[in-house]
Amino acid sequence: MDGYLSKPVKLEQLADEIRKWIPRDDVQIIERITQPSTTEMMENKIIDLSVLRGICHGNEDDLREMLGDFVDINSLIINDIENAAKENDHEALTGHAHKLKGSAGTVEAKPLAEIAKQLEKIKTNDDTIKVLKLTQAIRSEFERVCVEINELRE
């Protein structure tokens, strides 16, 4: 494939690129994977399960495992963000924000990814109040995501 897809790769973008290269008969498989269920479209979700189900090929056990890994890994990243903010370590702060942005984008946790993106764009630690507010917003949004994930994993 010669199409370029930037991270985090969106399932629909990947499907569009694949459609260019596969036989017409196989297009239905991609359509089924990329279409959200009616229930998910009607609900106002913090994360987009249709994307994750596509990644996991509909396997609910894999989905629950992936969500658990997301919580475990990003709990550590958010702790690192908070520590870097306290220590005024701008390089570490933006690096951890970048990791969180990518991870949140992968699970379609768009509000969390957007806050991480804003934190990543801060040029220096001179704006301590903005760093503090964004760090608190990341913690708060991550907790909302965790509540939803825990409900889904039960």
Protein backbone atom coordinates (compact mmCIF):
# COMPACT_ATOMS: atom_id res chain seq x y z
CA MET A 1 0.00 0.00 0.00
CA ASP A 2 1.29 3.44 -0.79
CA GLY A 3 -1.26 5.41 1.27
CA TYR A 4 0.05 7.10 4.38
CA LEU A 5 -1.96 6.85 7.62
CA SER A 6 -0.86 8.84 10.65
CA LYS A 7 -1.19 7.60 14.22
CA PRO A 8 -3.50 6.96 15.82
CA VAL A 9 -4.85 5.06 12.86
CA LYS A 10 -8.63 5.23 12.64
CA LEU A 11 -10.33 2.02 11.62
CA GLU A 12 -12.42 3.81 8.97
CA GLN A 13 -9.30 5.35 7.39
CA LEU A 14 -7.62 1.96 7.31
CA ALA A 15 -10.73 0.41 5.80
CA ASP A 16 -10.82 3.11 3.09
CA GLU A 17 -7.22 2.38 2.19
CA ILE A 18 -7.76 -1.40 2.16
CA ARG A 19 -10.86 -1.02 -0.04
CA LYS A 20 -8.57 0.31 -2.77
CA TRP A 21 -6.64 -2.96 -2.87
CA ILE A 22 -9.07 -5.82 -2.21
CA PRO A 23 -11.48 -7.63 -4.51
CA ARG A 24 -15.06 -6.31 -4.45
CA ASP A 25 -16.43 -9.50 -2.83
CA ASP A 26 -14.34 -8.92 0.29
CA VAL A 27 -15.54 -5.33 0.82
CA GLN A 28 -18.55 -6.56 2.84
CA ILE A 29 -16.21 -7.90 5.53
CA ILE A 30 -14.68 -4.46 6.00
CA GLU A 31 -18.09 -2.77 5.99
CA ARG A 32 -19.29 -5.07 8.78
CA ILE A 33 -16.21 -4.41 10.93
CA THR A 34 -16.31 -0.62 10.60
CA GLN A 35 -20.04 -0.05 11.20
CA PRO A 36 -21.02 0.84 14.78
CA SER A 37 -24.01 -0.95 16.26
CA THR A 38 -27.30 0.94 16.54
CA THR A 39 -27.04 0.88 20.33
CA GLU A 40 -23.58 2.44 20.29
CA MET A 41 -24.62 5.13 17.85
CA MET A 42 -27.56 6.10 20.09
CA GLU A 43 -25.55 6.25 23.30
CA ASN A 44 -23.26 9.13 24.17
CA LYS A 45 -20.13 7.14 24.91
CA ILE A 46 -16.80 8.32 26.23
CA ILE A 47 -15.03 5.69 24.12
CA ASP A 48 -16.03 4.24 20.76
CA LEU A 49 -16.45 0.50 21.11
CA SER A 50 -17.09 -0.05 17.41
CA VAL A 51 -13.46 0.76 16.71
CA LEU A 52 -12.19 -1.51 19.47
CA ARG A 53 -14.48 -4.34 18.42
CA GLY A 54 -13.08 -4.02 14.92
CA ILE A 55 -9.52 -4.23 16.23
CA CYS A 56 -10.48 -7.30 18.31
CA HIS A 57 -12.51 -8.82 15.45
CA GLY A 58 -15.58 -8.88 17.71
CA ASN A 59 -13.94 -11.06 20.37
CA GLU A 60 -15.36 -9.73 23.66
CA ASP A 61 -12.65 -11.40 25.78
CA ASP A 62 -9.95 -9.67 23.75
CA LEU A 63 -11.89 -6.42 24.04
CA ARG A 64 -12.04 -6.67 27.84
CA GLU A 65 -8.33 -7.52 27.98
CA MET A 66 -7.47 -4.56 25.74
CA LEU A 67 -9.53 -2.21 27.90
CA GLY A 68 -7.85 -3.54 31.04
CA ASP A 69 -4.42 -2.98 29.49
CA PHE A 70 -5.47 0.55 28.50
CA VAL A 71 -6.40 1.36 32.12
CA ASP A 72 -3.26 -0.23 33.60
CA ILE A 73 -0.80 1.39 31.20
CA ASN A 74 -2.39 4.82 31.20
CA SER A 75 -2.72 4.93 34.98
CA LEU A 76 1.08 4.88 35.03
CA ILE A 77 1.35 7.46 32.26
CA ILE A 78 -1.00 9.83 34.08
CA ASN A 79 1.03 9.43 37.27
CA ASP A 80 4.12 10.28 35.20
CA ILE A 81 2.35 13.37 33.81
CA GLU A 82 1.44 14.54 37.31
CA ASN A 83 4.99 13.96 38.58
CA ALA A 84 6.53 15.77 35.62
CA ALA A 85 4.18 18.72 36.20
CA LYS A 86 5.15 18.90 39.89
CA GLU A 87 8.85 18.76 39.00
CA ASN A 88 8.50 21.31 36.17
CA ASP A 89 10.03 18.75 33.78
CA HIS A 90 8.65 20.07 30.50
CA GLU A 91 10.32 17.47 28.29
CA ALA A 92 8.95 14.56 30.32
CA LEU A 93 5.54 16.23 30.59
CA THR A 94 5.11 16.65 26.85
CA GLY A 95 6.51 13.17 26.16
CA HIS A 96 4.01 11.51 28.50
CA ALA A 97 1.19 13.66 27.14
CA HIS A 98 2.11 12.48 23.64
CA LYS A 99 1.92 8.82 24.73
CA LEU A 100 -1.46 9.38 26.38
CA LYS A 101 -2.78 11.21 23.31
CA GLY A 102 -1.91 8.28 21.08
CA SER A 103 -3.28 5.66 23.44
CA ALA A 104 -6.52 7.56 24.03
CA GLY A 105 -6.87 8.11 20.30
CA THR A 106 -6.53 4.39 19.67
CA VAL A 107 -9.54 3.61 21.90
CA GLU A 108 -11.41 6.63 20.54
CA ALA A 109 -11.47 8.36 23.94
CA LYS A 110 -11.62 11.67 22.08
CA PRO A 111 -12.01 14.11 25.01
CA LEU A 112 -9.05 12.51 26.82
CA ALA A 113 -6.94 12.57 23.66
CA GLU A 114 -7.81 16.25 23.10
CA ILE A 115 -6.77 17.28 26.62
CA ALA A 116 -3.51 15.35 26.24
CA LYS A 117 -2.94 17.10 22.90
CA GLN A 118 -3.38 20.51 24.54
CA LEU A 119 -0.90 19.57 27.27
CA GLU A 120 1.57 18.27 24.69
CA LYS A 121 1.45 21.62 22.83
CA ILE A 122 2.45 23.75 25.83
CA LYS A 123 5.78 25.28 24.90
CA THR A 124 7.38 25.79 28.31
CA ASN A 125 6.59 25.35 31.97
CA ASP A 126 6.16 29.13 32.25
CA ASP A 127 2.41 28.57 32.06
CA THR A 128 2.18 26.70 35.36
CA ILE A 129 -1.51 27.42 35.88
CA LYS A 130 -2.43 26.02 32.46
CA VAL A 131 -0.29 22.92 33.09
CA LEU A 132 -2.02 22.40 36.44
CA LYS A 133 -5.51 22.80 34.95
CA LEU A 134 -4.79 20.44 32.06
CA THR A 135 -3.20 17.88 34.38
CA GLN A 136 -6.29 17.96 36.59
CA ALA A 137 -8.53 17.73 33.53
CA ILE A 138 -6.61 14.67 32.30
CA ARG A 139 -7.02 12.95 35.67
CA SER A 140 -10.73 13.76 35.76
CA GLU A 141 -11.40 12.61 32.18
CA PHE A 142 -9.34 9.45 32.67
CA GLU A 143 -11.46 8.61 35.72
CA ARG A 144 -14.60 9.02 33.58
CA VAL A 145 -13.10 6.70 30.97
CA CYS A 146 -12.21 4.16 33.68
CA VAL A 147 -15.77 4.16 35.03
CA GLU A 148 -17.10 3.38 31.57
CA ILE A 149 -14.46 0.70 30.97
CA ASN A 150 -15.19 -0.95 34.32
CA GLU A 151 -18.89 -1.07 33.44
CA LEU A 152 -18.08 -2.66 30.09
CA ARG A 153 -15.75 -5.23 31.61
CA GLU A 154 -18.34 -6.50 34.09
